[in-house]
Amino acid sequence: SNNNILVAGGEGPITAAGSTWGMENLMRNMIKNPDLVHKVLDISTDSIIDFLNAQMDQGVNMVALAEPSASCTCISPQFFQEFAVPYLRKIVKKVNSPAFMIHICGETFQIIKKLAKIPKMMSISVDKVNLEEAKKELGNILS
């Protein structure tokens, strides 16, 4: 039997939008022009979905998302809820993968529960988080 797992990789919506539009522009407009940011995130999310589904069509087993720009080091938990969660949920819903993992660099303790509640988010890779506190915060959400 084959125990190898092939993982499709891609950026999360905040990171992808920041890469193409400029992170400073993205963050500034989260405050000044949130409707425009949502339009940009819609475009980047649709591209991510197409890219990940193309990888899934090649026989990979699951998806790993890198979303370093969505950490609380960069944006507030409130902005994470408004500008990241809906688009992460859209990716999880529209990408043909049974499981997802996500890595967000930096400070993530304040958003870890939001990540754990995204359907099919089977693994959360953390960076600047006290693991004992994270385990307490999550309780049995991930088990």
N, C-alpha and C. Protein backbone atom coordinates (compact mmCIF):
# COMPACT_ATOMS: atom_id res chain seq x y z
N SER A 1 0.84 -1.19 0.00
CA SER A 1 0.00 0.00 0.00
C SER A 1 0.88 1.24 0.00
N ASN A 2 0.36 2.30 -0.57
CA ASN A 2 1.10 3.55 -0.68
C ASN A 2 0.69 4.48 0.45
N ASN A 3 1.64 4.80 1.32
CA ASN A 3 1.35 5.67 2.46
C ASN A 3 1.76 7.11 2.23
N ASN A 4 2.14 7.44 1.01
CA ASN A 4 2.55 8.81 0.72
C ASN A 4 1.33 9.71 0.59
N ILE A 5 1.50 10.94 1.04
CA ILE A 5 0.45 11.94 0.89
C ILE A 5 1.00 13.05 0.01
N LEU A 6 0.31 13.33 -1.06
CA LEU A 6 0.68 14.45 -1.93
C LEU A 6 -0.18 15.65 -1.55
N VAL A 7 0.48 16.78 -1.34
CA VAL A 7 -0.22 17.96 -0.85
C VAL A 7 -0.15 19.08 -1.88
N ALA A 8 -1.31 19.61 -2.24
CA ALA A 8 -1.38 20.79 -3.10
C ALA A 8 -1.08 22.01 -2.24
N GLY A 9 -0.31 22.92 -2.76
CA GLY A 9 0.05 24.10 -1.98
C GLY A 9 -0.37 25.38 -2.67
N GLY A 10 -0.71 26.36 -1.86
CA GLY A 10 -1.06 27.67 -2.40
C GLY A 10 -1.11 28.71 -1.31
N GLU A 11 -1.12 29.95 -1.73
CA GLU A 11 -1.24 31.05 -0.78
C GLU A 11 -2.69 31.24 -0.39
N GLY A 12 -2.89 31.78 0.80
CA GLY A 12 -4.22 32.18 1.22
C GLY A 12 -4.61 33.49 0.55
N PRO A 13 -5.87 33.88 0.67
CA PRO A 13 -6.36 35.07 -0.04
C PRO A 13 -5.70 36.38 0.36
N ILE A 14 -5.45 36.60 1.64
CA ILE A 14 -4.82 37.85 2.08
C ILE A 14 -3.40 37.93 1.52
N THR A 15 -2.66 36.85 1.64
CA THR A 15 -1.28 36.82 1.17
C THR A 15 -1.22 36.99 -0.35
N ALA A 16 -2.10 36.30 -1.08
CA ALA A 16 -2.11 36.42 -2.54
C ALA A 16 -2.48 37.83 -2.97
N ALA A 17 -3.49 38.41 -2.35
CA ALA A 17 -3.90 39.78 -2.69
C ALA A 17 -2.78 40.76 -2.36
N GLY A 18 -2.12 40.56 -1.23
CA GLY A 18 -1.01 41.42 -0.85
C GLY A 18 0.18 41.29 -1.80
N SER A 19 0.40 40.08 -2.31
CA SER A 19 1.50 39.86 -3.25
C SER A 19 1.26 40.57 -4.57
N THR A 20 0.02 40.60 -5.01
CA THR A 20 -0.27 41.20 -6.32
C THR A 20 -0.56 42.70 -6.24
N TRP A 21 -1.22 43.13 -5.18
CA TRP A 21 -1.64 44.52 -5.06
C TRP A 21 -0.69 45.34 -4.20
N GLY A 22 0.10 44.66 -3.41
CA GLY A 22 0.98 45.32 -2.44
C GLY A 22 0.34 45.27 -1.07
N MET A 23 1.09 44.77 -0.10
CA MET A 23 0.54 44.60 1.24
C MET A 23 0.13 45.93 1.87
N GLU A 24 0.92 46.96 1.62
CA GLU A 24 0.59 48.28 2.17
C GLU A 24 -0.73 48.79 1.59
N ASN A 25 -0.92 48.64 0.28
CA ASN A 25 -2.19 49.04 -0.34
C ASN A 25 -3.35 48.26 0.24
N LEU A 26 -3.16 46.95 0.38
CA LEU A 26 -4.23 46.10 0.90
C LEU A 26 -4.62 46.53 2.31
N MET A 27 -3.64 46.70 3.18
CA MET A 27 -3.93 47.07 4.58
C MET A 27 -4.54 48.46 4.69
N ARG A 28 -4.00 49.40 3.94
CA ARG A 28 -4.54 50.76 3.99
C ARG A 28 -6.00 50.77 3.55
N ASN A 29 -6.31 50.01 2.51
CA ASN A 29 -7.67 50.00 1.98
C ASN A 29 -8.64 49.17 2.82
N MET A 30 -8.13 48.30 3.68
CA MET A 30 -9.01 47.62 4.64
C MET A 30 -9.73 48.66 5.50
N ILE A 31 -9.05 49.76 5.74
CA ILE A 31 -9.62 50.85 6.54
C ILE A 31 -10.36 51.84 5.64
N LYS A 32 -9.71 52.28 4.56
CA LYS A 32 -10.24 53.37 3.73
C LYS A 32 -11.30 52.93 2.72
N ASN A 33 -11.16 51.72 2.20
CA ASN A 33 -12.05 51.28 1.13
C ASN A 33 -12.28 49.77 1.21
N PRO A 34 -12.97 49.31 2.26
CA PRO A 34 -13.15 47.87 2.46
C PRO A 34 -13.89 47.18 1.31
N ASP A 35 -14.80 47.88 0.63
CA ASP A 35 -15.51 47.26 -0.49
C ASP A 35 -14.55 46.89 -1.62
N LEU A 36 -13.59 47.76 -1.88
CA LEU A 36 -12.58 47.47 -2.90
C LEU A 36 -11.73 46.26 -2.49
N VAL A 37 -11.37 46.19 -1.22
CA VAL A 37 -10.59 45.05 -0.72
C VAL A 37 -11.36 43.75 -0.92
N HIS A 38 -12.66 43.77 -0.64
CA HIS A 38 -13.46 42.56 -0.85
C HIS A 38 -13.48 42.16 -2.33
N LYS A 39 -13.51 43.13 -3.24
CA LYS A 39 -13.46 42.81 -4.67
C LYS A 39 -12.12 42.18 -5.04
N VAL A 40 -11.04 42.75 -4.52
CA VAL A 40 -9.70 42.19 -4.77
C VAL A 40 -9.60 40.78 -4.20
N LEU A 41 -10.13 40.58 -2.99
CA LEU A 41 -10.09 39.26 -2.37
C LEU A 41 -10.95 38.24 -3.13
N ASP A 42 -12.06 38.69 -3.68
CA ASP A 42 -12.88 37.79 -4.52
C ASP A 42 -12.07 37.29 -5.72
N ILE A 43 -11.37 38.21 -6.36
CA ILE A 43 -10.58 37.85 -7.54
C ILE A 43 -9.45 36.90 -7.15
N SER A 44 -8.70 37.25 -6.10
CA SER A 44 -7.59 36.39 -5.71
C SER A 44 -8.08 35.03 -5.22
N THR A 45 -9.21 35.00 -4.52
CA THR A 45 -9.76 33.73 -4.03
C THR A 45 -10.19 32.84 -5.18
N ASP A 46 -10.84 33.40 -6.18
CA ASP A 46 -11.24 32.60 -7.34
C ASP A 46 -10.02 32.02 -8.06
N SER A 47 -8.94 32.79 -8.15
CA SER A 47 -7.71 32.30 -8.77
C SER A 47 -7.10 31.17 -7.95
N ILE A 48 -7.10 31.33 -6.63
CA ILE A 48 -6.58 30.30 -5.74
C ILE A 48 -7.38 29.01 -5.90
N ILE A 49 -8.70 29.13 -5.94
CA ILE A 49 -9.57 27.96 -6.10
C ILE A 49 -9.24 27.23 -7.40
N ASP A 50 -9.11 27.97 -8.49
CA ASP A 50 -8.77 27.35 -9.78
C ASP A 50 -7.42 26.65 -9.71
N PHE A 51 -6.43 27.31 -9.11
CA PHE A 51 -5.08 26.76 -9.01
C PHE A 51 -5.07 25.48 -8.17
N LEU A 52 -5.75 25.51 -7.02
CA LEU A 52 -5.77 24.33 -6.15
C LEU A 52 -6.56 23.19 -6.77
N ASN A 53 -7.67 23.48 -7.42
CA ASN A 53 -8.44 22.42 -8.08
C ASN A 53 -7.64 21.79 -9.23
N ALA A 54 -6.85 22.58 -9.93
CA ALA A 54 -5.99 22.03 -10.99
C ALA A 54 -4.99 21.04 -10.39
N GLN A 55 -4.47 21.36 -9.20
CA GLN A 55 -3.56 20.43 -8.53
C GLN A 55 -4.31 19.19 -8.05
N MET A 56 -5.51 19.38 -7.51
CA MET A 56 -6.30 18.23 -7.06
C MET A 56 -6.61 17.30 -8.23
N ASP A 57 -6.85 17.87 -9.40
CA ASP A 57 -7.14 17.07 -10.60
C ASP A 57 -5.95 16.19 -11.00
N GLN A 58 -4.77 16.53 -10.53
CA GLN A 58 -3.57 15.75 -10.84
C GLN A 58 -3.34 14.62 -9.82
N GLY A 59 -4.26 14.48 -8.86
CA GLY A 59 -4.19 13.34 -7.95
C GLY A 59 -3.58 13.61 -6.59
N VAL A 60 -3.46 14.87 -6.20
CA VAL A 60 -2.96 15.12 -4.85
C VAL A 60 -4.04 14.81 -3.83
N ASN A 61 -3.64 14.65 -2.56
CA ASN A 61 -4.55 14.16 -1.53
C ASN A 61 -5.21 15.24 -0.69
N MET A 62 -4.55 16.38 -0.54
CA MET A 62 -5.08 17.44 0.32
C MET A 62 -4.43 18.76 -0.03
N VAL A 63 -4.87 19.82 0.66
CA VAL A 63 -4.39 21.17 0.38
C VAL A 63 -3.72 21.76 1.61
N ALA A 64 -2.59 22.43 1.38
CA ALA A 64 -1.92 23.22 2.42
C ALA A 64 -1.92 24.68 1.96
N LEU A 65 -2.41 25.54 2.83
CA LEU A 65 -2.45 26.97 2.54
C LEU A 65 -1.41 27.71 3.38
N ALA A 66 -0.69 28.61 2.76
CA ALA A 66 0.22 29.50 3.47
C ALA A 66 -0.43 30.88 3.48
N GLU A 67 -0.70 31.37 4.67
CA GLU A 67 -1.41 32.65 4.80
C GLU A 67 -0.69 33.55 5.81
N PRO A 68 0.62 33.80 5.61
CA PRO A 68 1.38 34.55 6.61
C PRO A 68 0.89 35.97 6.84
N SER A 69 0.32 36.59 5.82
CA SER A 69 -0.09 37.99 5.95
C SER A 69 -1.40 38.16 6.71
N ALA A 70 -2.04 37.06 7.09
CA ALA A 70 -3.30 37.15 7.84
C ALA A 70 -3.10 37.02 9.34
N SER A 71 -1.87 37.03 9.79
CA SER A 71 -1.63 36.89 11.23
C SER A 71 -1.99 38.18 11.97
N CYS A 72 -2.16 38.05 13.26
CA CYS A 72 -2.45 39.23 14.09
C CYS A 72 -1.23 40.13 14.21
N THR A 73 -0.09 39.70 13.72
CA THR A 73 1.08 40.56 13.61
C THR A 73 0.83 41.60 12.52
N CYS A 74 0.01 41.25 11.53
CA CYS A 74 -0.27 42.14 10.39
C CYS A 74 -1.64 42.80 10.48
N ILE A 75 -2.67 42.02 10.79
CA ILE A 75 -4.03 42.56 10.83
C ILE A 75 -4.70 42.17 12.14
N SER A 76 -5.70 42.93 12.52
CA SER A 76 -6.40 42.68 13.78
C SER A 76 -7.28 41.43 13.67
N PRO A 77 -7.64 40.84 14.80
CA PRO A 77 -8.59 39.71 14.77
C PRO A 77 -9.91 40.08 14.09
N GLN A 78 -10.35 41.33 14.25
CA GLN A 78 -11.59 41.78 13.61
C GLN A 78 -11.43 41.80 12.09
N PHE A 79 -10.29 42.31 11.62
CA PHE A 79 -10.03 42.30 10.18
C PHE A 79 -9.86 40.87 9.67
N PHE A 80 -9.27 40.00 10.48
CA PHE A 80 -9.16 38.59 10.09
C PHE A 80 -10.55 38.01 9.86
N GLN A 81 -11.46 38.31 10.79
CA GLN A 81 -12.83 37.80 10.66
C GLN A 81 -13.51 38.35 9.40
N GLU A 82 -13.30 39.63 9.12
CA GLU A 82 -13.96 40.25 7.97
C GLU A 82 -13.31 39.91 6.64
N PHE A 83 -11.98 39.94 6.60
CA PHE A 83 -11.28 39.86 5.32
C PHE A 83 -10.63 38.51 5.02
N ALA A 84 -10.50 37.64 6.01
CA ALA A 84 -9.86 36.34 5.75
C ALA A 84 -10.85 35.18 5.85
N VAL A 85 -11.62 35.13 6.93
CA VAL A 85 -12.48 33.96 7.18
C VAL A 85 -13.45 33.67 6.02
N PRO A 86 -14.18 34.66 5.50
CA PRO A 86 -15.13 34.33 4.42
C PRO A 86 -14.45 33.72 3.19
N TYR A 87 -13.25 34.18 2.90
CA TYR A 87 -12.54 33.71 1.71
C TYR A 87 -11.87 32.36 1.96
N LEU A 88 -11.39 32.13 3.17
CA LEU A 88 -10.89 30.80 3.51
C LEU A 88 -12.03 29.78 3.45
N ARG A 89 -13.20 30.16 3.97
CA ARG A 89 -14.37 29.27 3.90
C ARG A 89 -14.77 28.98 2.45
N LYS A 90 -14.68 29.99 1.59
CA LYS A 90 -15.01 29.80 0.18
C LYS A 90 -14.04 28.81 -0.47
N ILE A 91 -12.76 28.95 -0.16
CA ILE A 91 -11.76 28.02 -0.69
C ILE A 91 -12.06 26.60 -0.25
N VAL A 92 -12.31 26.42 1.04
CA VAL A 92 -12.59 25.09 1.58
C VAL A 92 -13.84 24.49 0.94
N LYS A 93 -14.83 25.34 0.68
CA LYS A 93 -16.08 24.86 0.09
C LYS A 93 -15.91 24.47 -1.38
N LYS A 94 -15.11 25.24 -2.13
CA LYS A 94 -15.06 25.07 -3.59
C LYS A 94 -13.88 24.26 -4.10
N VAL A 95 -12.91 23.98 -3.24
CA VAL A 95 -11.78 23.15 -3.67
C VAL A 95 -12.09 21.70 -3.32
N ASN A 96 -11.89 20.83 -4.28
CA ASN A 96 -12.24 19.43 -4.15
C ASN A 96 -11.17 18.68 -3.34
N SER A 97 -11.06 19.02 -2.06
CA SER A 97 -10.09 18.37 -1.17
C SER A 97 -10.81 17.91 0.09
N PRO A 98 -10.50 16.70 0.55
CA PRO A 98 -11.14 16.21 1.77
C PRO A 98 -10.60 16.86 3.04
N ALA A 99 -9.40 17.45 2.95
CA ALA A 99 -8.77 18.02 4.14
C ALA A 99 -7.89 19.20 3.75
N PHE A 100 -7.76 20.11 4.71
CA PHE A 100 -6.93 21.30 4.53
C PHE A 100 -6.03 21.47 5.74
N MET A 101 -4.87 22.04 5.50
CA MET A 101 -4.04 22.51 6.60
C MET A 101 -3.66 23.94 6.26
N ILE A 102 -3.40 24.72 7.30
CA ILE A 102 -3.05 26.12 7.09
C ILE A 102 -1.89 26.49 7.98
N HIS A 103 -1.01 27.32 7.45
CA HIS A 103 0.06 27.89 8.27
C HIS A 103 -0.06 29.41 8.20
N ILE A 104 -0.10 30.02 9.36
CA ILE A 104 -0.09 31.47 9.46
C ILE A 104 1.06 31.85 10.37
N CYS A 105 1.99 32.63 9.84
CA CYS A 105 3.15 33.06 10.62
C CYS A 105 2.72 34.07 11.68
N GLY A 106 3.60 34.29 12.63
CA GLY A 106 3.39 35.36 13.60
C GLY A 106 2.37 35.02 14.66
N GLU A 107 1.77 36.05 15.20
CA GLU A 107 0.82 35.96 16.32
C GLU A 107 -0.53 35.44 15.82
N THR A 108 -0.95 34.28 16.32
CA THR A 108 -2.22 33.71 15.85
C THR A 108 -3.15 33.26 16.98
N PHE A 109 -2.72 33.43 18.22
CA PHE A 109 -3.53 32.91 19.33
C PHE A 109 -4.96 33.45 19.30
N GLN A 110 -5.12 34.74 18.99
CA GLN A 110 -6.45 35.36 19.02
C GLN A 110 -7.37 34.89 17.90
N ILE A 111 -6.81 34.21 16.89
CA ILE A 111 -7.64 33.75 15.77
C ILE A 111 -7.66 32.23 15.63
N ILE A 112 -6.96 31.53 16.50
CA ILE A 112 -6.81 30.08 16.34
C ILE A 112 -8.16 29.35 16.40
N LYS A 113 -9.06 29.84 17.24
CA LYS A 113 -10.38 29.20 17.33
C LYS A 113 -11.18 29.41 16.04
N LYS A 114 -11.05 30.59 15.45
CA LYS A 114 -11.73 30.87 14.18
C LYS A 114 -11.21 29.92 13.08
N LEU A 115 -9.91 29.68 13.08
CA LEU A 115 -9.32 28.76 12.11
C LEU A 115 -9.84 27.34 12.31
N ALA A 116 -9.89 26.93 13.56
CA ALA A 116 -10.30 25.56 13.88
C ALA A 116 -11.76 25.29 13.51
N LYS A 117 -12.56 26.34 13.45
CA LYS A 117 -13.99 26.17 13.14
C LYS A 117 -14.28 26.17 11.65
N ILE A 118 -13.27 26.39 10.82
CA ILE A 118 -13.47 26.32 9.38
C ILE A 118 -13.60 24.84 9.00
N PRO A 119 -14.67 24.47 8.31
CA PRO A 119 -14.87 23.06 7.95
C PRO A 119 -13.66 22.48 7.20
N LYS A 120 -13.36 21.23 7.45
CA LYS A 120 -12.28 20.48 6.80
C LYS A 120 -10.89 21.01 7.12
N MET A 121 -10.76 21.97 8.05
CA MET A 121 -9.44 22.47 8.44
C MET A 121 -8.88 21.49 9.47
N MET A 122 -8.16 20.49 8.98
CA MET A 122 -7.72 19.39 9.82
C MET A 122 -6.41 19.66 10.54
N SER A 123 -5.66 20.65 10.08
CA SER A 123 -4.36 20.91 10.68
C SER A 123 -4.08 22.41 10.65
N ILE A 124 -3.63 22.92 11.79
CA ILE A 124 -3.25 24.32 11.89
C ILE A 124 -1.80 24.37 12.33
N SER A 125 -0.95 24.89 11.48
CA SER A 125 0.46 25.05 11.80
C SER A 125 0.64 26.45 12.38
N VAL A 126 1.16 26.52 13.59
CA VAL A 126 1.27 27.81 14.27
C VAL A 126 2.72 28.24 14.37
N ASP A 127 2.90 29.50 14.65
CA ASP A 127 4.24 30.07 14.74
C ASP A 127 4.44 30.62 16.15
N LYS A 128 4.04 31.84 16.37
CA LYS A 128 4.30 32.50 17.65
C LYS A 128 3.12 32.28 18.59
N VAL A 129 2.98 31.04 19.07
CA VAL A 129 1.87 30.66 19.93
C VAL A 129 2.38 29.75 21.03
N ASN A 130 1.92 29.98 22.25
CA ASN A 130 2.20 29.07 23.35
C ASN A 130 1.34 27.83 23.12
N LEU A 131 1.97 26.70 22.86
CA LEU A 131 1.22 25.49 22.49
C LEU A 131 0.31 25.00 23.60
N GLU A 132 0.74 25.12 24.84
CA GLU A 132 -0.11 24.71 25.96
C GLU A 132 -1.37 25.56 26.01
N GLU A 133 -1.21 26.88 25.84
CA GLU A 133 -2.36 27.78 25.83
C GLU A 133 -3.26 27.52 24.62
N ALA A 134 -2.66 27.25 23.48
CA ALA A 134 -3.44 26.96 22.27
C ALA A 134 -4.28 25.70 22.47
N LYS A 135 -3.69 24.69 23.08
CA LYS A 135 -4.41 23.44 23.32
C LYS A 135 -5.60 23.69 24.25
N LYS A 136 -5.39 24.51 25.28
CA LYS A 136 -6.50 24.86 26.19
C LYS A 136 -7.58 25.64 25.45
N GLU A 137 -7.17 26.59 24.63
CA GLU A 137 -8.11 27.43 23.89
C GLU A 137 -8.97 26.60 22.94
N LEU A 138 -8.34 25.63 22.31
CA LEU A 138 -9.06 24.82 21.33
C LEU A 138 -9.90 23.72 21.96
N GLY A 139 -9.54 23.30 23.16
CA GLY A 139 -10.29 22.22 23.80
C GLY A 139 -10.34 21.03 22.89
N ASN A 140 -11.54 20.56 22.57
CA ASN A 140 -11.65 19.38 21.70
C ASN A 140 -12.13 19.74 20.30
N ILE A 141 -12.00 21.00 19.90
CA ILE A 141 -12.47 21.41 18.57
C ILE A 141 -11.78 20.60 17.48
N LEU A 142 -10.46 20.41 17.60
CA LEU A 142 -9.71 19.73 16.55
C LEU A 142 -9.68 18.22 16.70
N SER A 143 -10.17 17.69 17.80
CA SER A 143 -10.07 16.23 17.98
C SER A 143 -11.26 15.51 17.42
